[in-house]
Amino acid sequence: MTGWVELHRAPARRWAPRRGLAALCAITCLVLAASLLAGCGSFALFGSKTEAPENNDPPDVIYGKADKLVDKGKYGDAARAYEEVDINHPYSQEARRAILMAAYAYYKAGKYDEAISAADRYLTLHPGTQEADLAQNIIGMSYYDRVLDPKRDQTNARKAMVAYDTLLQRYPNSRYAGDAQNRTRILRDLLAASEMTVGRWYLRHNNYLAAINRFRTVVTDYQTTEQAEEALMRLTEAYMALGIVNEAQTAAAVLGHNFPDGKWYSHAYGLLGKRGLQPQEHEGSWITQTWKGDGKPA
């Protein structure tokens, strides 16, 4: 676009013939080419058109057709029909709702990237509308539905967390807030489980520092999940293997304080006992500073 503007604004140069007939032929060819281009409305000089075909139907008619496609379960076709409203009638009353419905239809069709794109467009253009929370929820669901088990990459889980956190922050009274909170809890447990899976692998292969980093993430970021209890025991195990007794004792002490009857505390207590040690909390430990004891990060 910038290049076109620059060409458009550039002053026209005065042409002076240099080679007589050859120059005249060149000009004639240019004129003929321009005529051909003008007569071919669908021809594009720098590539084919990418826009949707122009639809001259009124916006309410196109929107109604899209609604019928949704009723028939033809969500992909419906999404494209809704987009026609936005493309051909961007200033109509139906255009705003059509963007949101396109996002919904794409989601129902399993075309999650397209759903996210349409929902993002809606939030960019109409962030303060009553339906904005629905657009944000569609983004969250589009990531959530692609979440994999803890042994796989968790990129979508993290993006779903961000989307749901955004929904809860911006629209705390939304009808979707309850579902967002429930799914956030599930996602947090999943992400914690993923960290534990990797941490255990490092621990089995005697890569104790890498294992500690994973278990530390669980203790720091996911204290409210079920994984936190085992993470404290694994920290005891890894620190004992490295000979860092103070941290091992602290991990076991915090574990015993919060989960005194759990099997993981029994394991941690036994590990220390083999060295003649007892659980003991040290104030300088990062575990003490991180863990408040009520399940919430410090």
C-alpha atoms as a PDB file:
ATOM      1  CA  MET A   1       0.000   0.000   0.000  1.00  0.00           C
ATOM      2  CA  THR A   2       2.822   2.402   0.869  1.00  0.00           C
ATOM      3  CA  GLY A   3       4.502   1.728  -2.437  1.00  0.00           C
ATOM      4  CA  TRP A   4       1.277   2.437  -4.320  1.00  0.00           C
ATOM      5  CA  VAL A   5       0.863   5.757  -2.492  1.00  0.00           C
ATOM      6  CA  GLU A   6       4.402   6.744  -3.336  1.00  0.00           C
ATOM      7  CA  LEU A   7       3.846   5.956  -6.998  1.00  0.00           C
ATOM      8  CA  HIS A   8       0.528   7.752  -6.935  1.00  0.00           C
ATOM      9  CA  ARG A   9       2.084  10.897  -5.502  1.00  0.00           C
ATOM     10  CA  ALA A  10       5.186  10.951  -7.712  1.00  0.00           C
ATOM     11  CA  PRO A  11       5.169  13.818 -10.300  1.00  0.00           C
ATOM     12  CA  ALA A  12       4.640  12.738 -13.870  1.00  0.00           C
ATOM     13  CA  ARG A  13       7.742  12.969 -16.070  1.00  0.00           C
ATOM     14  CA  ARG A  14       7.661  14.654 -19.468  1.00  0.00           C
ATOM     15  CA  TRP A  15       8.353  12.049 -22.157  1.00  0.00           C
ATOM     16  CA  ALA A  16      10.570  12.920 -25.104  1.00  0.00           C
ATOM     17  CA  PRO A  17      10.817  10.567 -28.132  1.00  0.00           C
ATOM     18  CA  ARG A  18      14.282   9.184 -28.714  1.00  0.00           C
ATOM     19  CA  ARG A  19      13.944   6.411 -31.214  1.00  0.00           C
ATOM     20  CA  GLY A  20      11.032   7.464 -33.340  1.00  0.00           C
ATOM     21  CA  LEU A  21       8.965   4.525 -34.551  1.00  0.00           C
ATOM     22  CA  ALA A  22      10.170   2.105 -31.876  1.00  0.00           C
ATOM     23  CA  ALA A  23       9.068   4.442 -29.124  1.00  0.00           C
ATOM     24  CA  LEU A  24       5.709   5.002 -30.808  1.00  0.00           C
ATOM     25  CA  CYS A  25       5.139   1.237 -30.977  1.00  0.00           C
ATOM     26  CA  ALA A  26       5.960   0.906 -27.305  1.00  0.00           C
ATOM     27  CA  ILE A  27       3.408   3.547 -26.371  1.00  0.00           C
ATOM     28  CA  THR A  28       0.794   1.909 -28.575  1.00  0.00           C
ATOM     29  CA  CYS A  29       1.365  -1.426 -26.826  1.00  0.00           C
ATOM     30  CA  LEU A  30       0.974   0.194 -23.431  1.00  0.00           C
ATOM     31  CA  VAL A  31      -2.310   1.791 -24.453  1.00  0.00           C
ATOM     32  CA  LEU A  32      -3.631  -1.524 -25.765  1.00  0.00           C
ATOM     33  CA  ALA A  33      -2.578  -3.300 -22.579  1.00  0.00           C
ATOM     34  CA  ALA A  34      -4.338  -0.709 -20.461  1.00  0.00           C
ATOM     35  CA  SER A  35      -7.494  -1.173 -22.502  1.00  0.00           C
ATOM     36  CA  LEU A  36      -7.384  -4.923 -21.993  1.00  0.00           C
ATOM     37  CA  LEU A  37      -6.929  -4.513 -18.258  1.00  0.00           C
ATOM     38  CA  ALA A  38      -9.822  -2.104 -18.032  1.00  0.00           C
ATOM     39  CA  GLY A  39     -12.071  -4.575 -19.822  1.00  0.00           C
ATOM     40  CA  CYS A  40     -11.257  -7.453 -17.470  1.00  0.00           C
ATOM     41  CA  GLY A  41     -12.783  -6.571 -14.128  1.00  0.00           C
ATOM     42  CA  SER A  42     -11.779  -9.856 -12.533  1.00  0.00           C
ATOM     43  CA  PHE A  43      -8.149  -9.693 -13.682  1.00  0.00           C
ATOM     44  CA  ALA A  44      -5.575  -8.772 -11.052  1.00  0.00           C
ATOM     45  CA  LEU A  45      -2.172  -7.494 -12.130  1.00  0.00           C
ATOM     46  CA  PHE A  46      -0.273  -8.771  -9.094  1.00  0.00           C
ATOM     47  CA  GLY A  47      -2.232 -11.957  -8.405  1.00  0.00           C
ATOM     48  CA  SER A  48      -5.762 -13.268  -8.121  1.00  0.00           C
ATOM     49  CA  LYS A  49      -8.315 -11.661  -5.838  1.00  0.00           C
ATOM     50  CA  THR A  50      -8.555 -13.116  -2.380  1.00  0.00           C
ATOM     51  CA  GLU A  51     -11.792 -11.482  -1.273  1.00  0.00           C
ATOM     52  CA  ALA A  52     -15.039 -13.400  -1.086  1.00  0.00           C
ATOM     53  CA  PRO A  53     -17.309 -13.009  -4.130  1.00  0.00           C
ATOM     54  CA  GLU A  54     -19.490  -9.945  -3.866  1.00  0.00           C
ATOM     55  CA  ASN A  55     -22.937 -10.757  -2.530  1.00  0.00           C
ATOM     56  CA  ASN A  56     -25.534  -8.132  -3.384  1.00  0.00           C
ATOM     57  CA  ASP A  57     -28.214  -9.633  -1.136  1.00  0.00           C
ATOM     58  CA  PRO A  58     -29.287  -7.437   1.781  1.00  0.00           C
ATOM     59  CA  PRO A  59     -27.346  -8.155   4.992  1.00  0.00           C
ATOM     60  CA  ASP A  60     -30.379  -9.527   6.817  1.00  0.00           C
ATOM     61  CA  VAL A  61     -30.963 -12.003   3.992  1.00  0.00           C
ATOM     62  CA  ILE A  62     -27.368 -13.276   4.065  1.00  0.00           C
ATOM     63  CA  TYR A  63     -27.491 -13.456   7.846  1.00  0.00           C
ATOM     64  CA  GLY A  64     -30.736 -15.411   7.716  1.00  0.00           C
ATOM     65  CA  LYS A  65     -29.212 -17.915   5.296  1.00  0.00           C
ATOM     66  CA  ALA A  66     -26.281 -18.364   7.659  1.00  0.00           C
ATOM     67  CA  ASP A  67     -28.648 -18.995  10.570  1.00  0.00           C
ATOM     68  CA  LYS A  68     -30.394 -21.702   8.583  1.00  0.00           C
ATOM     69  CA  LEU A  69     -27.060 -23.352   7.841  1.00  0.00           C
ATOM     70  CA  VAL A  70     -26.330 -23.401  11.576  1.00  0.00           C
ATOM     71  CA  ASP A  71     -29.701 -25.031  12.204  1.00  0.00           C
ATOM     72  CA  LYS A  72     -28.751 -27.728   9.695  1.00  0.00           C
ATOM     73  CA  GLY A  73     -25.406 -28.303  11.380  1.00  0.00           C
ATOM     74  CA  LYS A  74     -23.461 -26.993   8.381  1.00  0.00           C
ATOM     75  CA  TYR A  75     -21.204 -24.882  10.546  1.00  0.00           C
ATOM     76  CA  GLY A  76     -18.363 -24.373   8.084  1.00  0.00           C
ATOM     77  CA  ASP A  77     -20.715 -23.056   5.407  1.00  0.00           C
ATOM     78  CA  ALA A  78     -22.504 -20.957   8.004  1.00  0.00           C
ATOM     79  CA  ALA A  79     -19.253 -19.343   9.144  1.00  0.00           C
ATOM     80  CA  ARG A  80     -18.387 -18.331   5.600  1.00  0.00           C
ATOM     81  CA  ALA A  81     -21.887 -16.947   5.108  1.00  0.00           C
ATOM     82  CA  TYR A  82     -21.614 -14.856   8.268  1.00  0.00           C
ATOM     83  CA  GLU A  83     -18.302 -13.521   7.009  1.00  0.00           C
ATOM     84  CA  GLU A  84     -20.003 -12.442   3.791  1.00  0.00           C
ATOM     85  CA  VAL A  85     -22.120 -10.075   5.863  1.00  0.00           C
ATOM     86  CA  ASP A  86     -19.007  -8.481   7.337  1.00  0.00           C
ATOM     87  CA  ILE A  87     -17.228  -8.335   3.976  1.00  0.00           C
ATOM     88  CA  ASN A  88     -20.057  -6.997   1.840  1.00  0.00           C
ATOM     89  CA  HIS A  89     -21.980  -4.957   4.423  1.00  0.00           C
ATOM     90  CA  PRO A  90     -19.424  -3.919   7.067  1.00  0.00           C
ATOM     91  CA  TYR A  91     -21.505  -0.969   8.298  1.00  0.00           C
ATOM     92  CA  SER A  92     -24.796  -2.793   8.597  1.00  0.00           C
ATOM     93  CA  GLN A  93     -26.488  -3.607  11.889  1.00  0.00           C
ATOM     94  CA  GLU A  94     -25.942  -7.296  11.218  1.00  0.00           C
ATOM     95  CA  ALA A  95     -22.183  -7.012  10.639  1.00  0.00           C
ATOM     96  CA  ARG A  96     -21.135  -6.883  14.281  1.00  0.00           C
ATOM     97  CA  ARG A  97     -23.132  -9.929  15.297  1.00  0.00           C
ATOM     98  CA  ALA A  98     -22.063 -11.744  12.130  1.00  0.00           C
ATOM     99  CA  ILE A  99     -18.395 -11.614  13.168  1.00  0.00           C
ATOM    100  CA  LEU A 100     -19.222 -13.212  16.492  1.00  0.00           C
ATOM    101  CA  MET A 101     -21.448 -15.837  14.910  1.00  0.00           C
ATOM    102  CA  ALA A 102     -18.693 -16.662  12.425  1.00  0.00           C
ATOM    103  CA  ALA A 103     -16.388 -17.340  15.380  1.00  0.00           C
ATOM    104  CA  TYR A 104     -19.022 -19.563  16.980  1.00  0.00           C
ATOM    105  CA  ALA A 105     -19.716 -21.450  13.754  1.00  0.00           C
ATOM    106  CA  TYR A 106     -16.017 -22.010  13.092  1.00  0.00           C
ATOM    107  CA  TYR A 107     -15.643 -23.360  16.626  1.00  0.00           C
ATOM    108  CA  LYS A 108     -18.552 -25.765  16.125  1.00  0.00           C
ATOM    109  CA  ALA A 109     -16.984 -26.864  12.841  1.00  0.00           C
ATOM    110  CA  GLY A 110     -13.750 -27.706  14.639  1.00  0.00           C
ATOM    111  CA  LYS A 111     -11.858 -24.975  12.801  1.00  0.00           C
ATOM    112  CA  TYR A 112     -10.317 -23.579  15.943  1.00  0.00           C
ATOM    113  CA  ASP A 113      -7.725 -21.255  14.437  1.00  0.00           C
ATOM    114  CA  GLU A 114     -10.405 -19.582  12.314  1.00  0.00           C
ATOM    115  CA  ALA A 115     -12.650 -19.318  15.373  1.00  0.00           C
ATOM    116  CA  ILE A 116      -9.890 -17.618  17.356  1.00  0.00           C
ATOM    117  CA  SER A 117      -9.164 -15.243  14.484  1.00  0.00           C
ATOM    118  CA  ALA A 118     -12.815 -14.210  14.162  1.00  0.00           C
ATOM    119  CA  ALA A 119     -13.227 -13.818  17.930  1.00  0.00           C
ATOM    120  CA  ASP A 120     -10.061 -11.720  18.131  1.00  0.00           C
ATOM    121  CA  ARG A 121     -11.380  -9.526  15.335  1.00  0.00           C
ATOM    122  CA  TYR A 122     -14.636  -9.045  17.220  1.00  0.00           C
ATOM    123  CA  LEU A 123     -12.836  -8.069  20.418  1.00  0.00           C
ATOM    124  CA  THR A 124     -10.634  -5.641  18.522  1.00  0.00           C
ATOM    125  CA  LEU A 125     -13.585  -3.904  16.877  1.00  0.00           C
ATOM    126  CA  HIS A 126     -16.181  -4.228  19.648  1.00  0.00           C
ATOM    127  CA  PRO A 127     -14.426  -4.712  23.009  1.00  0.00           C
ATOM    128  CA  GLY A 128     -17.104  -3.083  25.144  1.00  0.00           C
ATOM    129  CA  THR A 129     -20.223  -4.835  23.898  1.00  0.00           C
ATOM    130  CA  GLN A 130     -22.402  -7.226  25.868  1.00  0.00           C
ATOM    131  CA  GLU A 131     -21.281 -10.142  23.699  1.00  0.00           C
ATOM    132  CA  ALA A 132     -17.546  -9.527  24.215  1.00  0.00           C
ATOM    133  CA  ASP A 133     -17.393 -12.152  26.965  1.00  0.00           C
ATOM    134  CA  LEU A 134     -18.737 -14.743  24.532  1.00  0.00           C
ATOM    135  CA  ALA A 135     -15.965 -13.922  22.070  1.00  0.00           C
ATOM    136  CA  GLN A 136     -13.379 -14.325  24.822  1.00  0.00           C
ATOM    137  CA  ASN A 137     -14.969 -17.612  25.861  1.00  0.00           C
ATOM    138  CA  ILE A 138     -14.806 -18.911  22.288  1.00  0.00           C
ATOM    139  CA  ILE A 139     -11.068 -18.223  22.289  1.00  0.00           C
ATOM    140  CA  GLY A 140     -10.681 -20.151  25.526  1.00  0.00           C
ATOM    141  CA  MET A 141     -12.750 -23.092  24.296  1.00  0.00           C
ATOM    142  CA  SER A 142     -10.864 -23.207  20.992  1.00  0.00           C
ATOM    143  CA  TYR A 143      -7.628 -23.768  22.877  1.00  0.00           C
ATOM    144  CA  TYR A 144      -9.161 -25.930  25.611  1.00  0.00           C
ATOM    145  CA  ASP A 145     -10.612 -28.437  23.161  1.00  0.00           C
ATOM    146  CA  ARG A 146      -7.131 -29.087  21.775  1.00  0.00           C
ATOM    147  CA  VAL A 147      -5.457 -29.722  25.116  1.00  0.00           C
ATOM    148  CA  LEU A 148      -3.450 -32.939  25.164  1.00  0.00           C
ATOM    149  CA  ASP A 149      -2.528 -35.362  27.937  1.00  0.00           C
ATOM    150  CA  PRO A 150       0.258 -34.410  30.392  1.00  0.00           C
ATOM    151  CA  LYS A 151       2.894 -36.281  28.398  1.00  0.00           C
ATOM    152  CA  ARG A 152       2.419 -34.044  25.350  1.00  0.00           C
ATOM    153  CA  ASP A 153       3.173 -30.413  24.551  1.00  0.00           C
ATOM    154  CA  GLN A 154       0.984 -28.090  26.633  1.00  0.00           C
ATOM    155  CA  THR A 155       1.057 -24.946  24.479  1.00  0.00           C
ATOM    156  CA  ASN A 156      -2.702 -24.982  23.990  1.00  0.00           C
ATOM    157  CA  ALA A 157      -3.274 -25.521  27.705  1.00  0.00           C
ATOM    158  CA  ARG A 158      -1.222 -22.435  28.528  1.00  0.00           C
ATOM    159  CA  LYS A 159      -3.023 -20.370  25.901  1.00  0.00           C
ATOM    160  CA  ALA A 160      -6.370 -21.576  27.211  1.00  0.00           C
ATOM    161  CA  MET A 161      -5.310 -20.520  30.716  1.00  0.00           C
ATOM    162  CA  VAL A 162      -4.451 -17.044  29.458  1.00  0.00           C
ATOM    163  CA  ALA A 163      -7.777 -16.778  27.622  1.00  0.00           C
ATOM    164  CA  TYR A 164      -9.811 -17.855  30.639  1.00  0.00           C
ATOM    165  CA  ASP A 165      -7.829 -15.651  33.013  1.00  0.00           C
ATOM    166  CA  THR A 166      -8.542 -12.730  30.688  1.00  0.00           C
ATOM    167  CA  LEU A 167     -12.242 -13.577  30.713  1.00  0.00           C
ATOM    168  CA  LEU A 168     -12.335 -13.685  34.517  1.00  0.00           C
ATOM    169  CA  GLN A 169     -10.441 -10.412  34.849  1.00  0.00           C
ATOM    170  CA  ARG A 170     -12.378  -8.439  32.257  1.00  0.00           C
ATOM    171  CA  TYR A 171     -15.809  -9.990  32.704  1.00  0.00           C
ATOM    172  CA  PRO A 172     -16.031 -11.268  36.309  1.00  0.00           C
ATOM    173  CA  ASN A 173     -19.839 -11.282  36.211  1.00  0.00           C
ATOM    174  CA  SER A 174     -20.075 -13.108  32.901  1.00  0.00           C
ATOM    175  CA  ARG A 175     -22.352 -16.103  32.525  1.00  0.00           C
ATOM    176  CA  TYR A 176     -19.236 -17.968  31.389  1.00  0.00           C
ATOM    177  CA  ALA A 177     -17.198 -17.123  34.508  1.00  0.00           C
ATOM    178  CA  GLY A 178     -18.175 -20.307  36.351  1.00  0.00           C
ATOM    179  CA  ASP A 179     -17.103 -22.572  33.505  1.00  0.00           C
ATOM    180  CA  ALA A 180     -13.920 -20.543  33.092  1.00  0.00           C
ATOM    181  CA  GLN A 181     -13.038 -21.053  36.759  1.00  0.00           C
ATOM    182  CA  ASN A 182     -13.661 -24.800  36.568  1.00  0.00           C
ATOM    183  CA  ARG A 183     -11.623 -25.192  33.411  1.00  0.00           C
ATOM    184  CA  THR A 184      -8.842 -23.067  34.851  1.00  0.00           C
ATOM    185  CA  ARG A 185      -8.580 -25.471  37.793  1.00  0.00           C
ATOM    186  CA  ILE A 186      -8.450 -28.415  35.409  1.00  0.00           C
ATOM    187  CA  LEU A 187      -5.803 -26.710  33.297  1.00  0.00           C
ATOM    188  CA  ARG A 188      -3.678 -25.835  36.302  1.00  0.00           C
ATOM    189  CA  ASP A 189      -3.710 -29.457  37.432  1.00  0.00           C
ATOM    190  CA  LEU A 190      -2.863 -30.589  33.908  1.00  0.00           C
ATOM    191  CA  LEU A 191       0.059 -28.181  33.633  1.00  0.00           C
ATOM    192  CA  ALA A 192       1.300 -29.254  37.050  1.00  0.00           C
ATOM    193  CA  ALA A 193       1.030 -32.907  36.014  1.00  0.00           C
ATOM    194  CA  SER A 194       3.025 -32.130  32.886  1.00  0.00           C
ATOM    195  CA  GLU A 195       5.794 -30.545  34.969  1.00  0.00           C
ATOM    196  CA  MET A 196       5.794 -33.579  37.261  1.00  0.00           C
ATOM    197  CA  THR A 197       6.064 -35.961  34.312  1.00  0.00           C
ATOM    198  CA  VAL A 198       9.153 -34.198  33.003  1.00  0.00           C
ATOM    199  CA  GLY A 199      10.601 -33.801  36.490  1.00  0.00           C
ATOM    200  CA  ARG A 200      10.289 -37.518  37.235  1.00  0.00           C
ATOM    201  CA  TRP A 201      12.051 -38.307  33.970  1.00  0.00           C
ATOM    202  CA  TYR A 202      14.978 -36.093  34.928  1.00  0.00           C
ATOM    203  CA  LEU A 203      15.025 -37.627  38.399  1.00  0.00           C
ATOM    204  CA  ARG A 204      15.192 -41.165  36.993  1.00  0.00           C
ATOM    205  CA  HIS A 205      18.130 -40.127  34.826  1.00  0.00           C
ATOM    206  CA  ASN A 206      19.949 -38.495  37.758  1.00  0.00           C
ATOM    207  CA  ASN A 207      19.620 -35.000  36.305  1.00  0.00           C
ATOM    208  CA  TYR A 208      18.748 -33.582  39.694  1.00  0.00           C
ATOM    209  CA  LEU A 209      19.018 -29.873  38.972  1.00  0.00           C
ATOM    210  CA  ALA A 210      16.682 -30.124  35.985  1.00  0.00           C
ATOM    211  CA  ALA A 211      14.280 -32.200  38.076  1.00  0.00           C
ATOM    212  CA  ILE A 212      14.347 -29.646  40.896  1.00  0.00           C
ATOM    213  CA  ASN A 213      13.484 -26.855  38.462  1.00  0.00           C
ATOM    214  CA  ARG A 214      10.363 -28.740  37.370  1.00  0.00           C
ATOM    215  CA  PHE A 215       9.238 -29.587  40.890  1.00  0.00           C
ATOM    216  CA  ARG A 216       9.939 -26.014  41.942  1.00  0.00           C
ATOM    217  CA  THR A 217       7.566 -24.780  39.250  1.00  0.00           C
ATOM    218  CA  VAL A 218       4.827 -26.973  40.702  1.00  0.00           C
ATOM    219  CA  VAL A 219       5.440 -25.740  44.247  1.00  0.00           C
ATOM    220  CA  THR A 220       5.690 -22.112  43.142  1.00  0.00           C
ATOM    221  CA  ASP A 221       2.954 -21.856  40.517  1.00  0.00           C
ATOM    222  CA  TYR A 222       0.576 -24.732  41.213  1.00  0.00           C
ATOM    223  CA  GLN A 223       0.322 -25.057  44.991  1.00  0.00           C
ATOM    224  CA  THR A 224      -3.431 -25.572  44.884  1.00  0.00           C
ATOM    225  CA  THR A 225      -3.191 -28.647  42.662  1.00  0.00           C
ATOM    226  CA  GLU A 226      -2.984 -32.281  43.703  1.00  0.00           C
ATOM    227  CA  GLN A 227       0.533 -32.434  42.286  1.00  0.00           C
ATOM    228  CA  ALA A 228       2.030 -30.155  44.944  1.00  0.00           C
ATOM    229  CA  GLU A 229       2.160 -32.898  47.578  1.00  0.00           C
ATOM    230  CA  GLU A 230       4.278 -35.236  45.473  1.00  0.00           C
ATOM    231  CA  ALA A 231       6.410 -32.326  44.252  1.00  0.00           C
ATOM    232  CA  LEU A 232       7.536 -31.622  47.826  1.00  0.00           C
ATOM    233  CA  MET A 233       8.531 -35.253  48.321  1.00  0.00           C
ATOM    234  CA  ARG A 234      10.425 -35.296  45.013  1.00  0.00           C
ATOM    235  CA  LEU A 235      12.249 -32.147  46.085  1.00  0.00           C
ATOM    236  CA  THR A 236      13.282 -33.950  49.261  1.00  0.00           C
ATOM    237  CA  GLU A 237      14.564 -36.839  47.156  1.00  0.00           C
ATOM    238  CA  ALA A 238      16.450 -34.668  44.655  1.00  0.00           C
ATOM    239  CA  TYR A 239      18.045 -32.427  47.277  1.00  0.00           C
ATOM    240  CA  MET A 240      19.156 -35.454  49.302  1.00  0.00           C
ATOM    241  CA  ALA A 241      20.770 -36.887  46.177  1.00  0.00           C
ATOM    242  CA  LEU A 242      22.722 -33.641  45.775  1.00  0.00           C
ATOM    243  CA  GLY A 243      23.596 -33.454  49.461  1.00  0.00           C
ATOM    244  CA  ILE A 244      21.702 -30.191  49.974  1.00  0.00           C
ATOM    245  CA  VAL A 245      20.356 -31.195  53.354  1.00  0.00           C
ATOM    246  CA  ASN A 246      18.737 -27.926  54.433  1.00  0.00           C
ATOM    247  CA  GLU A 247      16.448 -27.790  51.405  1.00  0.00           C
ATOM    248  CA  ALA A 248      15.626 -31.488  51.705  1.00  0.00           C
ATOM    249  CA  GLN A 249      14.669 -31.055  55.357  1.00  0.00           C
ATOM    250  CA  THR A 250      12.594 -27.975  54.561  1.00  0.00           C
ATOM    251  CA  ALA A 251      10.707 -29.706  51.748  1.00  0.00           C
ATOM    252  CA  ALA A 252       9.887 -32.597  54.067  1.00  0.00           C
ATOM    253  CA  ALA A 253       8.870 -30.275  56.907  1.00  0.00           C
ATOM    254  CA  VAL A 254       6.503 -28.260  54.699  1.00  0.00           C
ATOM    255  CA  LEU A 255       5.138 -31.515  53.323  1.00  0.00           C
ATOM    256  CA  GLY A 256       4.479 -32.843  56.827  1.00  0.00           C
ATOM    257  CA  HIS A 257       2.873 -29.595  57.941  1.00  0.00           C
ATOM    258  CA  ASN A 258       0.415 -29.530  55.044  1.00  0.00           C
ATOM    259  CA  PHE A 259      -0.084 -33.246  54.353  1.00  0.00           C
ATOM    260  CA  PRO A 260       0.780 -35.048  57.601  1.00  0.00           C
ATOM    261  CA  ASP A 261      -1.205 -38.175  56.809  1.00  0.00           C
ATOM    262  CA  GLY A 262      -0.214 -38.504  53.170  1.00  0.00           C
ATOM    263  CA  LYS A 263       1.884 -41.284  51.684  1.00  0.00           C
ATOM    264  CA  TRP A 264       4.347 -38.798  50.222  1.00  0.00           C
ATOM    265  CA  TYR A 265       5.244 -37.447  53.644  1.00  0.00           C
ATOM    266  CA  SER A 266       5.874 -40.993  54.816  1.00  0.00           C
ATOM    267  CA  HIS A 267       8.315 -41.469  51.920  1.00  0.00           C
ATOM    268  CA  ALA A 268      10.072 -38.166  52.587  1.00  0.00           C
ATOM    269  CA  TYR A 269      10.338 -38.908  56.302  1.00  0.00           C
ATOM    270  CA  GLY A 270      11.873 -42.283  55.497  1.00  0.00           C
ATOM    271  CA  LEU A 271      14.454 -40.765  53.133  1.00  0.00           C
ATOM    272  CA  LEU A 272      15.666 -38.397  55.821  1.00  0.00           C
ATOM    273  CA  GLY A 273      15.588 -41.119  58.463  1.00  0.00           C
ATOM    274  CA  LYS A 274      18.060 -43.230  56.496  1.00  0.00           C
ATOM    275  CA  ARG A 275      20.601 -40.443  57.029  1.00  0.00           C
ATOM    276  CA  GLY A 276      19.645 -39.905  60.642  1.00  0.00           C
ATOM    277  CA  LEU A 277      17.862 -36.649  59.814  1.00  0.00           C
ATOM    278  CA  GLN A 278      14.497 -35.180  60.712  1.00  0.00           C
ATOM    279  CA  PRO A 279      12.219 -32.791  58.783  1.00  0.00           C
ATOM    280  CA  GLN A 280      13.133 -29.247  59.748  1.00  0.00           C
ATOM    281  CA  GLU A 281      12.044 -25.981  58.196  1.00  0.00           C
ATOM    282  CA  HIS A 282      14.836 -23.498  57.465  1.00  0.00           C
ATOM    283  CA  GLU A 283      13.849 -19.853  57.174  1.00  0.00           C
ATOM    284  CA  GLY A 284      16.351 -19.126  54.412  1.00  0.00           C
ATOM    285  CA  SER A 285      14.918 -21.792  52.119  1.00  0.00           C
ATOM    286  CA  TRP A 286      13.061 -20.724  48.987  1.00  0.00           C
ATOM    287  CA  ILE A 287      10.439 -23.336  49.895  1.00  0.00           C
ATOM    288  CA  THR A 288       9.721 -21.592  53.192  1.00  0.00           C
ATOM    289  CA  GLN A 289       9.505 -18.228  51.448  1.00  0.00           C
ATOM    290  CA  THR A 290       7.256 -19.572  48.699  1.00  0.00           C
ATOM    291  CA  TRP A 291       4.877 -21.753  50.666  1.00  0.00           C
ATOM    292  CA  LYS A 292       2.478 -20.001  53.005  1.00  0.00           C
ATOM    293  CA  GLY A 293       0.996 -23.235  54.275  1.00  0.00           C
ATOM    294  CA  ASP A 294      -2.550 -22.405  53.193  1.00  0.00           C
ATOM    295  CA  GLY A 295      -2.228 -23.627  49.631  1.00  0.00           C
ATOM    296  CA  LYS A 296      -1.665 -20.157  48.191  1.00  0.00           C
ATOM    297  CA  PRO A 297       1.582 -18.781  46.761  1.00  0.00           C
ATOM    298  CA  ALA A 298       3.388 -16.310  48.999  1.00  0.00           C
END
